[in-house]
C-alpha atoms as a PDB file:
ATOM      1  CA  MET A   1     -19.111 -61.543 -64.514  1.00  0.00           C
ATOM      2  CA  SER A   2     -18.512 -59.411 -61.384  1.00  0.00           C
ATOM      3  CA  VAL A   3     -20.935 -56.567 -60.752  1.00  0.00           C
ATOM      4  CA  PRO A   4     -20.233 -53.828 -58.173  1.00  0.00           C
ATOM      5  CA  SER A   5     -22.469 -53.934 -55.122  1.00  0.00           C
ATOM      6  CA  ASP A   6     -23.948 -50.490 -55.755  1.00  0.00           C
ATOM      7  CA  THR A   7     -24.860 -51.164 -59.381  1.00  0.00           C
ATOM      8  CA  ILE A   8     -27.307 -53.362 -61.184  1.00  0.00           C
ATOM      9  CA  ALA A   9     -26.129 -55.094 -64.331  1.00  0.00           C
ATOM     10  CA  VAL A  10     -28.552 -55.231 -67.217  1.00  0.00           C
ATOM     11  CA  LEU A  11     -27.436 -57.677 -69.883  1.00  0.00           C
ATOM     12  CA  LEU A  12     -28.443 -57.060 -73.467  1.00  0.00           C
ATOM     13  CA  PRO A  13     -28.527 -59.762 -76.160  1.00  0.00           C
ATOM     14  CA  ALA A  14     -25.145 -60.720 -77.596  1.00  0.00           C
ATOM     15  CA  ASP A  15     -24.020 -59.874 -81.126  1.00  0.00           C
ATOM     16  CA  ASP A  16     -22.474 -62.871 -82.825  1.00  0.00           C
ATOM     17  CA  ASP A  17     -22.427 -64.346 -86.297  1.00  0.00           C
ATOM     18  CA  SER A  18     -26.196 -64.678 -86.181  1.00  0.00           C
ATOM     19  CA  GLY A  19     -26.528 -60.878 -86.309  1.00  0.00           C
ATOM     20  CA  ARG A  20     -27.581 -60.378 -82.668  1.00  0.00           C
ATOM     21  CA  PRO A  21     -26.286 -57.219 -80.897  1.00  0.00           C
ATOM     22  CA  PRO A  22     -23.259 -57.550 -78.556  1.00  0.00           C
ATOM     23  CA  LEU A  23     -23.478 -58.129 -74.830  1.00  0.00           C
ATOM     24  CA  ASP A  24     -23.547 -54.826 -72.995  1.00  0.00           C
ATOM     25  CA  GLU A  25     -23.845 -53.699 -69.428  1.00  0.00           C
ATOM     26  CA  THR A  26     -25.846 -50.713 -68.241  1.00  0.00           C
ATOM     27  CA  ARG A  27     -25.077 -49.506 -64.758  1.00  0.00           C
ATOM     28  CA  VAL A  28     -27.976 -48.235 -62.677  1.00  0.00           C
ATOM     29  CA  PRO A  29     -26.930 -46.185 -59.617  1.00  0.00           C
ATOM     30  CA  GLY A  30     -27.571 -47.763 -56.235  1.00  0.00           C
ATOM     31  CA  ARG A  31     -29.592 -46.160 -53.461  1.00  0.00           C
ATOM     32  CA  TRP A  32     -26.705 -44.418 -51.735  1.00  0.00           C
ATOM     33  CA  SER A  33     -25.353 -43.084 -55.015  1.00  0.00           C
ATOM     34  CA  ILE A  34     -28.736 -41.488 -55.644  1.00  0.00           C
ATOM     35  CA  VAL A  35     -28.821 -40.111 -52.091  1.00  0.00           C
ATOM     36  CA  TRP A  36     -25.371 -38.572 -52.540  1.00  0.00           C
ATOM     37  CA  ARG A  37     -26.367 -36.964 -55.848  1.00  0.00           C
ATOM     38  CA  ARG A  38     -29.524 -35.545 -54.296  1.00  0.00           C
ATOM     39  CA  PHE A  39     -27.481 -34.210 -51.392  1.00  0.00           C
ATOM     40  CA  LEU A  40     -25.091 -32.448 -53.781  1.00  0.00           C
ATOM     41  CA  THR A  41     -28.032 -30.579 -55.349  1.00  0.00           C
ATOM     42  CA  HIS A  42     -28.793 -29.040 -51.946  1.00  0.00           C
ATOM     43  CA  LYS A  43     -26.388 -26.110 -52.170  1.00  0.00           C
ATOM     44  CA  MET A  44     -26.660 -24.931 -48.581  1.00  0.00           C
ATOM     45  CA  ALA A  45     -26.091 -28.486 -47.299  1.00  0.00           C
ATOM     46  CA  VAL A  46     -22.922 -28.744 -49.389  1.00  0.00           C
ATOM     47  CA  VAL A  47     -21.765 -25.423 -47.950  1.00  0.00           C
ATOM     48  CA  GLY A  48     -22.504 -26.705 -44.438  1.00  0.00           C
ATOM     49  CA  LEU A  49     -20.554 -29.909 -45.092  1.00  0.00           C
ATOM     50  CA  GLY A  50     -17.625 -27.905 -46.435  1.00  0.00           C
ATOM     51  CA  VAL A  51     -17.639 -25.648 -43.376  1.00  0.00           C
ATOM     52  CA  LEU A  52     -17.711 -28.668 -41.038  1.00  0.00           C
ATOM     53  CA  VAL A  53     -14.798 -30.316 -42.820  1.00  0.00           C
ATOM     54  CA  PHE A  54     -12.831 -27.063 -42.686  1.00  0.00           C
ATOM     55  CA  LEU A  55     -13.535 -26.621 -38.961  1.00  0.00           C
ATOM     56  CA  PHE A  56     -12.473 -30.204 -38.220  1.00  0.00           C
ATOM     57  CA  VAL A  57      -9.219 -29.689 -40.101  1.00  0.00           C
ATOM     58  CA  LEU A  58      -8.681 -26.338 -38.381  1.00  0.00           C
ATOM     59  CA  ALA A  59      -9.416 -27.756 -34.931  1.00  0.00           C
ATOM     60  CA  PHE A  60      -6.944 -30.633 -35.199  1.00  0.00           C
ATOM     61  CA  LEU A  61      -4.264 -29.204 -37.490  1.00  0.00           C
ATOM     62  CA  GLY A  62      -4.571 -25.511 -36.676  1.00  0.00           C
ATOM     63  CA  PRO A  63      -2.657 -25.731 -33.375  1.00  0.00           C
ATOM     64  CA  TYR A  64       0.443 -26.806 -35.286  1.00  0.00           C
ATOM     65  CA  LEU A  65       0.417 -23.524 -37.219  1.00  0.00           C
ATOM     66  CA  ALA A  66       1.066 -21.415 -34.111  1.00  0.00           C
ATOM     67  CA  LYS A  67       3.847 -21.630 -31.537  1.00  0.00           C
ATOM     68  CA  TRP A  68       1.574 -21.319 -28.492  1.00  0.00           C
ATOM     69  CA  ASP A  69      -0.136 -24.250 -26.800  1.00  0.00           C
ATOM     70  CA  TYR A  70      -3.392 -23.909 -24.891  1.00  0.00           C
ATOM     71  CA  THR A  71      -1.511 -24.483 -21.618  1.00  0.00           C
ATOM     72  CA  ASP A  72       1.181 -21.865 -22.362  1.00  0.00           C
ATOM     73  CA  ARG A  73       1.209 -18.402 -20.793  1.00  0.00           C
ATOM     74  CA  ASP A  74       2.807 -15.255 -22.177  1.00  0.00           C
ATOM     75  CA  PHE A  75       3.561 -13.135 -19.107  1.00  0.00           C
ATOM     76  CA  ASN A  76       4.482 -10.190 -21.310  1.00  0.00           C
ATOM     77  CA  ALA A  77       1.047 -10.026 -22.948  1.00  0.00           C
ATOM     78  CA  PHE A  78      -2.028  -9.827 -20.716  1.00  0.00           C
ATOM     79  CA  LEU A  79      -5.376  -9.042 -22.361  1.00  0.00           C
ATOM     80  CA  GLN A  80      -3.682  -8.107 -25.628  1.00  0.00           C
ATOM     81  CA  PRO A  81      -5.893  -7.738 -28.748  1.00  0.00           C
ATOM     82  CA  PRO A  82      -5.300  -9.933 -31.817  1.00  0.00           C
ATOM     83  CA  SER A  83      -1.832  -9.423 -33.270  1.00  0.00           C
ATOM     84  CA  ALA A  84       0.834 -11.165 -35.322  1.00  0.00           C
ATOM     85  CA  GLU A  85       2.156 -12.791 -32.151  1.00  0.00           C
ATOM     86  CA  HIS A  86      -1.247 -13.868 -30.792  1.00  0.00           C
ATOM     87  CA  TRP A  87      -3.713 -14.242 -33.651  1.00  0.00           C
ATOM     88  CA  PHE A  88      -6.857 -14.169 -31.483  1.00  0.00           C
ATOM     89  CA  GLY A  89      -5.383 -12.110 -28.631  1.00  0.00           C
ATOM     90  CA  THR A  90      -4.604 -13.186 -25.079  1.00  0.00           C
ATOM     91  CA  THR A  91      -6.510 -13.789 -21.845  1.00  0.00           C
ATOM     92  CA  GLN A  92      -6.175 -12.230 -18.384  1.00  0.00           C
ATOM     93  CA  THR A  93      -3.478 -14.781 -17.537  1.00  0.00           C
ATOM     94  CA  GLY A  94      -1.584 -14.495 -20.816  1.00  0.00           C
ATOM     95  CA  GLY A  95      -3.141 -17.546 -22.461  1.00  0.00           C
ATOM     96  CA  ASP A  96      -3.287 -17.610 -26.244  1.00  0.00           C
ATOM     97  CA  VAL A  97      -6.956 -17.349 -27.267  1.00  0.00           C
ATOM     98  CA  TYR A  98      -6.293 -18.982 -30.648  1.00  0.00           C
ATOM     99  CA  ALA A  99      -4.850 -22.120 -29.016  1.00  0.00           C
ATOM    100  CA  LEU A 100      -7.592 -22.171 -26.371  1.00  0.00           C
ATOM    101  CA  VAL A 101     -10.398 -21.827 -28.918  1.00  0.00           C
ATOM    102  CA  LEU A 102      -9.050 -24.603 -31.140  1.00  0.00           C
ATOM    103  CA  ARG A 103      -8.609 -26.881 -28.133  1.00  0.00           C
ATOM    104  CA  GLY A 104     -12.150 -26.071 -27.030  1.00  0.00           C
ATOM    105  CA  MET A 105     -13.476 -26.717 -30.531  1.00  0.00           C
ATOM    106  CA  GLN A 106     -11.747 -30.105 -30.578  1.00  0.00           C
ATOM    107  CA  LYS A 107     -13.427 -31.094 -27.340  1.00  0.00           C
ATOM    108  CA  SER A 108     -16.859 -29.808 -28.354  1.00  0.00           C
ATOM    109  CA  LEU A 109     -16.766 -31.559 -31.742  1.00  0.00           C
ATOM    110  CA  ILE A 110     -15.599 -34.875 -30.269  1.00  0.00           C
ATOM    111  CA  ILE A 111     -18.214 -34.738 -27.509  1.00  0.00           C
ATOM    112  CA  GLY A 112     -20.957 -33.868 -30.007  1.00  0.00           C
ATOM    113  CA  LEU A 113     -20.076 -36.750 -32.329  1.00  0.00           C
ATOM    114  CA  LEU A 114     -19.699 -39.337 -29.554  1.00  0.00           C
ATOM    115  CA  VAL A 115     -22.932 -38.311 -27.842  1.00  0.00           C
ATOM    116  CA  ALA A 116     -24.812 -38.473 -31.153  1.00  0.00           C
ATOM    117  CA  LEU A 117     -23.381 -41.914 -31.952  1.00  0.00           C
ATOM    118  CA  VAL A 118     -24.164 -43.351 -28.514  1.00  0.00           C
ATOM    119  CA  SER A 119     -27.662 -41.852 -28.181  1.00  0.00           C
ATOM    120  CA  THR A 120     -28.766 -42.850 -31.687  1.00  0.00           C
ATOM    121  CA  SER A 121     -27.429 -46.393 -31.214  1.00  0.00           C
ATOM    122  CA  VAL A 122     -29.228 -46.781 -27.887  1.00  0.00           C
ATOM    123  CA  ALA A 123     -32.448 -45.419 -29.382  1.00  0.00           C
ATOM    124  CA  ALA A 124     -32.234 -47.845 -32.311  1.00  0.00           C
ATOM    125  CA  ILE A 125     -31.621 -50.887 -30.099  1.00  0.00           C
ATOM    126  CA  VAL A 126     -34.172 -50.092 -27.385  1.00  0.00           C
ATOM    127  CA  GLY A 127     -36.876 -48.956 -29.820  1.00  0.00           C
ATOM    128  CA  SER A 128     -36.474 -51.912 -32.174  1.00  0.00           C
ATOM    129  CA  PHE A 129     -36.451 -54.501 -29.387  1.00  0.00           C
ATOM    130  CA  ALA A 130     -39.480 -52.893 -27.743  1.00  0.00           C
ATOM    131  CA  GLY A 131     -41.345 -52.846 -31.046  1.00  0.00           C
ATOM    132  CA  TYR A 132     -40.412 -56.355 -32.146  1.00  0.00           C
ATOM    133  CA  PHE A 133     -41.069 -58.114 -28.845  1.00  0.00           C
ATOM    134  CA  SER A 134     -44.391 -57.737 -27.109  1.00  0.00           C
ATOM    135  CA  GLY A 135     -45.328 -58.446 -23.519  1.00  0.00           C
ATOM    136  CA  ASN A 136     -42.981 -57.820 -20.621  1.00  0.00           C
ATOM    137  CA  THR A 137     -40.002 -56.803 -22.775  1.00  0.00           C
ATOM    138  CA  GLU A 138     -41.912 -53.962 -24.380  1.00  0.00           C
ATOM    139  CA  ARG A 139     -43.484 -52.850 -21.092  1.00  0.00           C
ATOM    140  CA  VAL A 140     -40.162 -52.724 -19.237  1.00  0.00           C
ATOM    141  CA  LEU A 141     -38.320 -50.877 -22.010  1.00  0.00           C
ATOM    142  CA  MET A 142     -41.108 -48.357 -22.488  1.00  0.00           C
ATOM    143  CA  TRP A 143     -41.324 -47.831 -18.726  1.00  0.00           C
ATOM    144  CA  ILE A 144     -37.625 -46.906 -18.734  1.00  0.00           C
ATOM    145  CA  VAL A 145     -38.176 -44.542 -21.677  1.00  0.00           C
ATOM    146  CA  ASP A 146     -41.146 -42.847 -20.000  1.00  0.00           C
ATOM    147  CA  LEU A 147     -39.234 -42.491 -16.737  1.00  0.00           C
ATOM    148  CA  LEU A 148     -36.229 -40.838 -18.387  1.00  0.00           C
ATOM    149  CA  LEU A 149     -38.494 -38.506 -20.359  1.00  0.00           C
ATOM    150  CA  VAL A 150     -39.936 -36.940 -17.207  1.00  0.00           C
ATOM    151  CA  LEU A 151     -36.624 -36.630 -15.337  1.00  0.00           C
ATOM    152  CA  PRO A 152     -34.955 -33.170 -15.402  1.00  0.00           C
ATOM    153  CA  SER A 153     -31.863 -34.028 -17.382  1.00  0.00           C
ATOM    154  CA  PHE A 154     -29.987 -30.752 -16.796  1.00  0.00           C
ATOM    155  CA  LEU A 155     -30.471 -31.006 -13.035  1.00  0.00           C
ATOM    156  CA  ILE A 156     -29.371 -34.651 -12.904  1.00  0.00           C
ATOM    157  CA  VAL A 157     -26.213 -33.997 -14.943  1.00  0.00           C
ATOM    158  CA  ALA A 158     -25.460 -30.978 -12.739  1.00  0.00           C
ATOM    159  CA  ILE A 159     -25.824 -33.109  -9.610  1.00  0.00           C
ATOM    160  CA  LEU A 160     -23.762 -36.032 -10.912  1.00  0.00           C
ATOM    161  CA  SER A 161     -21.041 -33.947 -12.553  1.00  0.00           C
ATOM    162  CA  PRO A 162     -19.201 -33.023  -9.313  1.00  0.00           C
ATOM    163  CA  THR A 163     -19.066 -36.725  -8.429  1.00  0.00           C
ATOM    164  CA  PHE A 164     -16.911 -37.369 -11.499  1.00  0.00           C
ATOM    165  CA  ARG A 165     -14.939 -34.126 -11.279  1.00  0.00           C
ATOM    166  CA  GLY A 166     -11.384 -34.785 -12.358  1.00  0.00           C
ATOM    167  CA  ASP A 167     -12.289 -38.042 -14.093  1.00  0.00           C
ATOM    168  CA  THR A 168     -12.223 -38.532 -17.827  1.00  0.00           C
ATOM    169  CA  TRP A 169     -14.549 -36.376 -19.909  1.00  0.00           C
ATOM    170  CA  LEU A 170     -15.918 -39.579 -21.428  1.00  0.00           C
ATOM    171  CA  VAL A 171     -18.119 -39.854 -18.329  1.00  0.00           C
ATOM    172  CA  PHE A 172     -19.620 -36.532 -19.370  1.00  0.00           C
ATOM    173  CA  VAL A 173     -20.362 -38.014 -22.803  1.00  0.00           C
ATOM    174  CA  VAL A 174     -22.236 -40.901 -21.175  1.00  0.00           C
ATOM    175  CA  LEU A 175     -24.273 -38.517 -19.007  1.00  0.00           C
ATOM    176  CA  LEU A 176     -25.285 -36.412 -21.993  1.00  0.00           C
ATOM    177  CA  ALA A 177     -26.096 -39.413 -24.190  1.00  0.00           C
ATOM    178  CA  ALA A 178     -28.268 -40.905 -21.443  1.00  0.00           C
ATOM    179  CA  PHE A 179     -30.891 -38.175 -21.946  1.00  0.00           C
ATOM    180  CA  LEU A 180     -30.956 -37.734 -25.734  1.00  0.00           C
ATOM    181  CA  TRP A 181     -32.312 -41.032 -27.038  1.00  0.00           C
ATOM    182  CA  MET A 182     -35.830 -41.478 -25.607  1.00  0.00           C
ATOM    183  CA  VAL A 183     -37.931 -39.636 -28.210  1.00  0.00           C
ATOM    184  CA  THR A 184     -36.144 -41.385 -31.073  1.00  0.00           C
ATOM    185  CA  ALA A 185     -36.630 -44.747 -29.330  1.00  0.00           C
ATOM    186  CA  ARG A 186     -40.388 -44.169 -29.328  1.00  0.00           C
ATOM    187  CA  ILE A 187     -40.341 -43.373 -33.054  1.00  0.00           C
ATOM    188  CA  VAL A 188     -38.220 -46.456 -33.800  1.00  0.00           C
ATOM    189  CA  ARG A 189     -40.617 -48.617 -31.768  1.00  0.00           C
ATOM    190  CA  GLY A 190     -43.586 -47.437 -33.817  1.00  0.00           C
ATOM    191  CA  MET A 191     -41.787 -48.082 -37.102  1.00  0.00           C
ATOM    192  CA  THR A 192     -40.680 -51.533 -35.898  1.00  0.00           C
ATOM    193  CA  ILE A 193     -44.270 -52.510 -35.097  1.00  0.00           C
ATOM    194  CA  SER A 194     -45.134 -51.730 -38.717  1.00  0.00           C
ATOM    195  CA  LEU A 195     -42.061 -53.398 -40.234  1.00  0.00           C
ATOM    196  CA  ARG A 196     -42.347 -56.639 -38.279  1.00  0.00           C
ATOM    197  CA  GLU A 197     -45.463 -57.528 -40.295  1.00  0.00           C
ATOM    198  CA  ARG A 198     -43.743 -57.070 -43.658  1.00  0.00           C
ATOM    199  CA  GLU A 199     -43.348 -60.094 -45.908  1.00  0.00           C
ATOM    200  CA  TYR A 200     -39.555 -60.294 -45.718  1.00  0.00           C
ATOM    201  CA  VAL A 201     -39.624 -60.202 -41.909  1.00  0.00           C
ATOM    202  CA  LEU A 202     -42.331 -62.874 -41.755  1.00  0.00           C
ATOM    203  CA  ALA A 203     -40.398 -65.017 -44.225  1.00  0.00           C
ATOM    204  CA  ALA A 204     -37.219 -64.730 -42.137  1.00  0.00           C
ATOM    205  CA  ARG A 205     -39.188 -65.639 -39.013  1.00  0.00           C
ATOM    206  CA  TYR A 206     -40.718 -68.716 -40.655  1.00  0.00           C
ATOM    207  CA  MET A 207     -37.256 -69.811 -41.782  1.00  0.00           C
ATOM    208  CA  GLY A 208     -36.112 -69.862 -38.160  1.00  0.00           C
ATOM    209  CA  VAL A 209     -33.886 -66.767 -38.238  1.00  0.00           C
ATOM    210  CA  PRO A 210     -33.214 -65.596 -34.653  1.00  0.00           C
ATOM    211  CA  PRO A 211     -35.063 -62.398 -33.619  1.00  0.00           C
ATOM    212  CA  ARG A 212     -31.839 -60.533 -32.917  1.00  0.00           C
ATOM    213  CA  ARG A 213     -30.609 -61.195 -36.441  1.00  0.00           C
ATOM    214  CA  ILE A 214     -33.952 -60.163 -37.928  1.00  0.00           C
ATOM    215  CA  ILE A 215     -33.762 -56.860 -36.060  1.00  0.00           C
ATOM    216  CA  PHE A 216     -30.198 -56.034 -37.099  1.00  0.00           C
ATOM    217  CA  ARG A 217     -30.365 -57.439 -40.648  1.00  0.00           C
ATOM    218  CA  HIS A 218     -33.882 -56.593 -41.778  1.00  0.00           C
ATOM    219  CA  ILE A 219     -35.569 -54.011 -39.556  1.00  0.00           C
ATOM    220  CA  LEU A 220     -32.902 -51.468 -38.572  1.00  0.00           C
ATOM    221  CA  PRO A 221     -31.438 -51.159 -42.113  1.00  0.00           C
ATOM    222  CA  ASN A 222     -34.885 -50.063 -43.291  1.00  0.00           C
ATOM    223  CA  MET A 223     -34.737 -47.204 -40.757  1.00  0.00           C
ATOM    224  CA  SER A 224     -31.294 -45.996 -41.807  1.00  0.00           C
ATOM    225  CA  SER A 225     -32.698 -42.719 -43.148  1.00  0.00           C
ATOM    226  CA  LEU A 226     -34.334 -41.854 -39.824  1.00  0.00           C
ATOM    227  CA  LEU A 227     -31.287 -42.881 -37.796  1.00  0.00           C
ATOM    228  CA  ILE A 228     -28.847 -40.892 -39.931  1.00  0.00           C
ATOM    229  CA  ILE A 229     -30.957 -37.752 -39.657  1.00  0.00           C
ATOM    230  CA  ASP A 230     -31.414 -38.279 -35.917  1.00  0.00           C
ATOM    231  CA  ALA A 231     -27.664 -38.649 -35.411  1.00  0.00           C
ATOM    232  CA  THR A 232     -27.063 -35.417 -37.314  1.00  0.00           C
ATOM    233  CA  ILE A 233     -29.584 -33.536 -35.181  1.00  0.00           C
ATOM    234  CA  ASN A 234     -28.084 -34.996 -32.010  1.00  0.00           C
ATOM    235  CA  VAL A 235     -24.641 -33.648 -32.910  1.00  0.00           C
ATOM    236  CA  SER A 236     -25.813 -30.038 -32.699  1.00  0.00           C
ATOM    237  CA  ALA A 237     -28.026 -30.796 -29.677  1.00  0.00           C
ATOM    238  CA  ALA A 238     -25.089 -32.375 -27.841  1.00  0.00           C
ATOM    239  CA  ILE A 239     -22.747 -29.492 -28.664  1.00  0.00           C
ATOM    240  CA  ILE A 240     -25.274 -26.968 -27.362  1.00  0.00           C
ATOM    241  CA  ALA A 241     -25.915 -29.059 -24.226  1.00  0.00           C
ATOM    242  CA  GLU A 242     -22.188 -29.465 -23.566  1.00  0.00           C
ATOM    243  CA  THR A 243     -21.620 -25.744 -24.045  1.00  0.00           C
ATOM    244  CA  GLY A 244     -24.440 -24.849 -21.677  1.00  0.00           C
ATOM    245  CA  LEU A 245     -23.301 -27.260 -18.971  1.00  0.00           C
ATOM    246  CA  SER A 246     -19.668 -26.206 -19.300  1.00  0.00           C
ATOM    247  CA  TYR A 247     -20.761 -22.561 -19.128  1.00  0.00           C
ATOM    248  CA  PHE A 248     -22.262 -23.214 -15.698  1.00  0.00           C
ATOM    249  CA  GLY A 249     -19.267 -25.264 -14.576  1.00  0.00           C
ATOM    250  CA  PHE A 250     -20.837 -28.722 -14.844  1.00  0.00           C
ATOM    251  CA  GLY A 251     -19.119 -29.904 -18.018  1.00  0.00           C
ATOM    252  CA  VAL A 252     -15.478 -30.064 -19.100  1.00  0.00           C
ATOM    253  CA  GLN A 253     -13.266 -29.200 -16.141  1.00  0.00           C
ATOM    254  CA  PRO A 254      -9.948 -27.285 -15.956  1.00  0.00           C
ATOM    255  CA  PRO A 255      -7.211 -27.539 -16.991  1.00  0.00           C
ATOM    256  CA  ASP A 256      -9.014 -28.775 -20.096  1.00  0.00           C
ATOM    257  CA  VAL A 257     -11.264 -26.383 -21.993  1.00  0.00           C
ATOM    258  CA  SER A 258     -14.286 -26.431 -24.291  1.00  0.00           C
ATOM    259  CA  LEU A 259     -16.149 -23.726 -26.153  1.00  0.00           C
ATOM    260  CA  GLY A 260     -18.517 -23.485 -23.179  1.00  0.00           C
ATOM    261  CA  THR A 261     -15.771 -22.785 -20.648  1.00  0.00           C
ATOM    262  CA  ILE A 262     -14.161 -20.198 -22.958  1.00  0.00           C
ATOM    263  CA  ILE A 263     -17.485 -18.426 -23.471  1.00  0.00           C
ATOM    264  CA  ALA A 264     -18.101 -18.463 -19.711  1.00  0.00           C
ATOM    265  CA  ASP A 265     -14.675 -16.935 -19.021  1.00  0.00           C
ATOM    266  CA  GLY A 266     -15.158 -14.219 -21.621  1.00  0.00           C
ATOM    267  CA  THR A 267     -18.779 -13.266 -20.945  1.00  0.00           C
ATOM    268  CA  ASN A 268     -18.007 -10.534 -18.402  1.00  0.00           C
ATOM    269  CA  SER A 269     -15.461  -9.012 -20.792  1.00  0.00           C
ATOM    270  CA  ALA A 270     -17.532  -9.331 -23.971  1.00  0.00           C
ATOM    271  CA  VAL A 271     -17.723  -5.540 -24.369  1.00  0.00           C
ATOM    272  CA  THR A 272     -14.360  -4.401 -23.052  1.00  0.00           C
ATOM    273  CA  TYR A 273     -12.270  -7.305 -24.404  1.00  0.00           C
ATOM    274  CA  PRO A 274     -14.484  -8.812 -27.136  1.00  0.00           C
ATOM    275  CA  TRP A 275     -11.880 -11.266 -28.440  1.00  0.00           C
ATOM    276  CA  LEU A 276     -12.223 -13.306 -25.250  1.00  0.00           C
ATOM    277  CA  PHE A 277     -15.833 -14.077 -26.156  1.00  0.00           C
ATOM    278  CA  ALA A 278     -16.338 -13.414 -29.864  1.00  0.00           C
ATOM    279  CA  PHE A 279     -14.169 -16.129 -31.409  1.00  0.00           C
ATOM    280  CA  ALA A 280     -15.520 -18.984 -29.274  1.00  0.00           C
ATOM    281  CA  GLY A 281     -19.123 -17.750 -29.529  1.00  0.00           C
ATOM    282  CA  GLY A 282     -18.868 -17.217 -33.275  1.00  0.00           C
ATOM    283  CA  LEU A 283     -17.408 -20.656 -33.910  1.00  0.00           C
ATOM    284  CA  LEU A 284     -20.148 -22.247 -31.799  1.00  0.00           C
ATOM    285  CA  VAL A 285     -22.833 -20.559 -33.913  1.00  0.00           C
ATOM    286  CA  ILE A 286     -21.089 -21.579 -37.145  1.00  0.00           C
ATOM    287  CA  ILE A 287     -20.720 -25.225 -36.065  1.00  0.00           C
ATOM    288  CA  VAL A 288     -24.366 -25.582 -35.027  1.00  0.00           C
ATOM    289  CA  LEU A 289     -25.582 -23.835 -38.185  1.00  0.00           C
ATOM    290  CA  ALA A 290     -23.397 -26.026 -40.426  1.00  0.00           C
ATOM    291  CA  VAL A 291     -24.591 -29.228 -38.723  1.00  0.00           C
ATOM    292  CA  ASN A 292     -28.219 -28.159 -39.135  1.00  0.00           C
ATOM    293  CA  LEU A 293     -27.660 -27.405 -42.828  1.00  0.00           C
ATOM    294  CA  VAL A 294     -26.142 -30.859 -43.338  1.00  0.00           C
ATOM    295  CA  GLY A 295     -29.098 -32.382 -41.484  1.00  0.00           C
ATOM    296  CA  ASP A 296     -31.562 -30.551 -43.745  1.00  0.00           C
ATOM    297  CA  GLY A 297     -29.692 -31.772 -46.810  1.00  0.00           C
ATOM    298  CA  LEU A 298     -29.682 -35.371 -45.594  1.00  0.00           C
ATOM    299  CA  ARG A 299     -33.388 -35.197 -44.808  1.00  0.00           C
ATOM    300  CA  ASP A 300     -34.200 -33.982 -48.316  1.00  0.00           C
ATOM    301  CA  ALA A 301     -31.821 -36.464 -49.960  1.00  0.00           C
ATOM    302  CA  LEU A 302     -33.206 -39.430 -48.044  1.00  0.00           C
ATOM    303  CA  ASP A 303     -36.850 -38.413 -48.419  1.00  0.00           C
ATOM    304  CA  PRO A 304     -38.151 -39.546 -51.827  1.00  0.00           C
ATOM    305  CA  SER A 305     -40.964 -36.966 -51.701  1.00  0.00           C
ATOM    306  CA  SER A 306     -38.621 -33.997 -51.400  1.00  0.00           C
ATOM    307  CA  GLY A 307     -37.433 -31.879 -54.282  1.00  0.00           C
ATOM    308  CA  THR A 308     -34.261 -32.843 -56.090  1.00  0.00           C
ATOM    309  CA  SER A 309     -32.759 -29.397 -56.215  1.00  0.00           C
ATOM    310  CA  ARG A 310     -32.441 -26.334 -54.083  1.00  0.00           C
END
């Protein structure tokens, strides 16, 4: 009899001519089913998830709803307020603010997700290898972590950014991710030191399982809760970092745009022409708030000691 991977089959005695009850199957929810149900009881987290999904759909499908592209210019409408022709108004050069904001939101969301994925993955690998192996491996990896912790990340990115000016923005993702993983790596190292003495890890070691397979099959899966929460936090941290760097001219470069570059362009006109600043700034606040709400919901859903409802 086939049993789904996320359920546990409990077989009851069969009912046949001898009067025994029939075979039955009771499905017990798996771990991730329970986590999902606990997450759904966190109302604000569900709202945050809904807002994020809506913003993703708006960012990537919204440009098709308007006739203006972010590179287009309307030379008959300079600094025009929101209207039926230009939903979010226009810039000093006739650019459509709606198209620019959605393009900037695309870039900020993609950068935030990629930075979170890369930084959390690096933290998991470095921390687990440093915790599992002792001796020179641990000392070298922790020396690298300690060195990166004391380096001024903003200054280094600002210095290196002009070197890659005009290159792909993926280089910017690598620079941001390089300074977001160290604290998590230290936490993962400490948890690995504890997990490597567990019975299932010792049994796998005695059976001759290679260390790399033990780390990826037995140790890291038991830290999935921490890593998921860390990735969620890193999304908002990366978006804020990208916005700040782009605001000062060290991030996404023209002709491309991000929320940071739009906010920087509209700051001086925030009072006289508020639509140049308000839409990009408001969406940035909403994105970061929604990501934080989802992170809070995941933390409570993955933490067995938290309440089951909010």
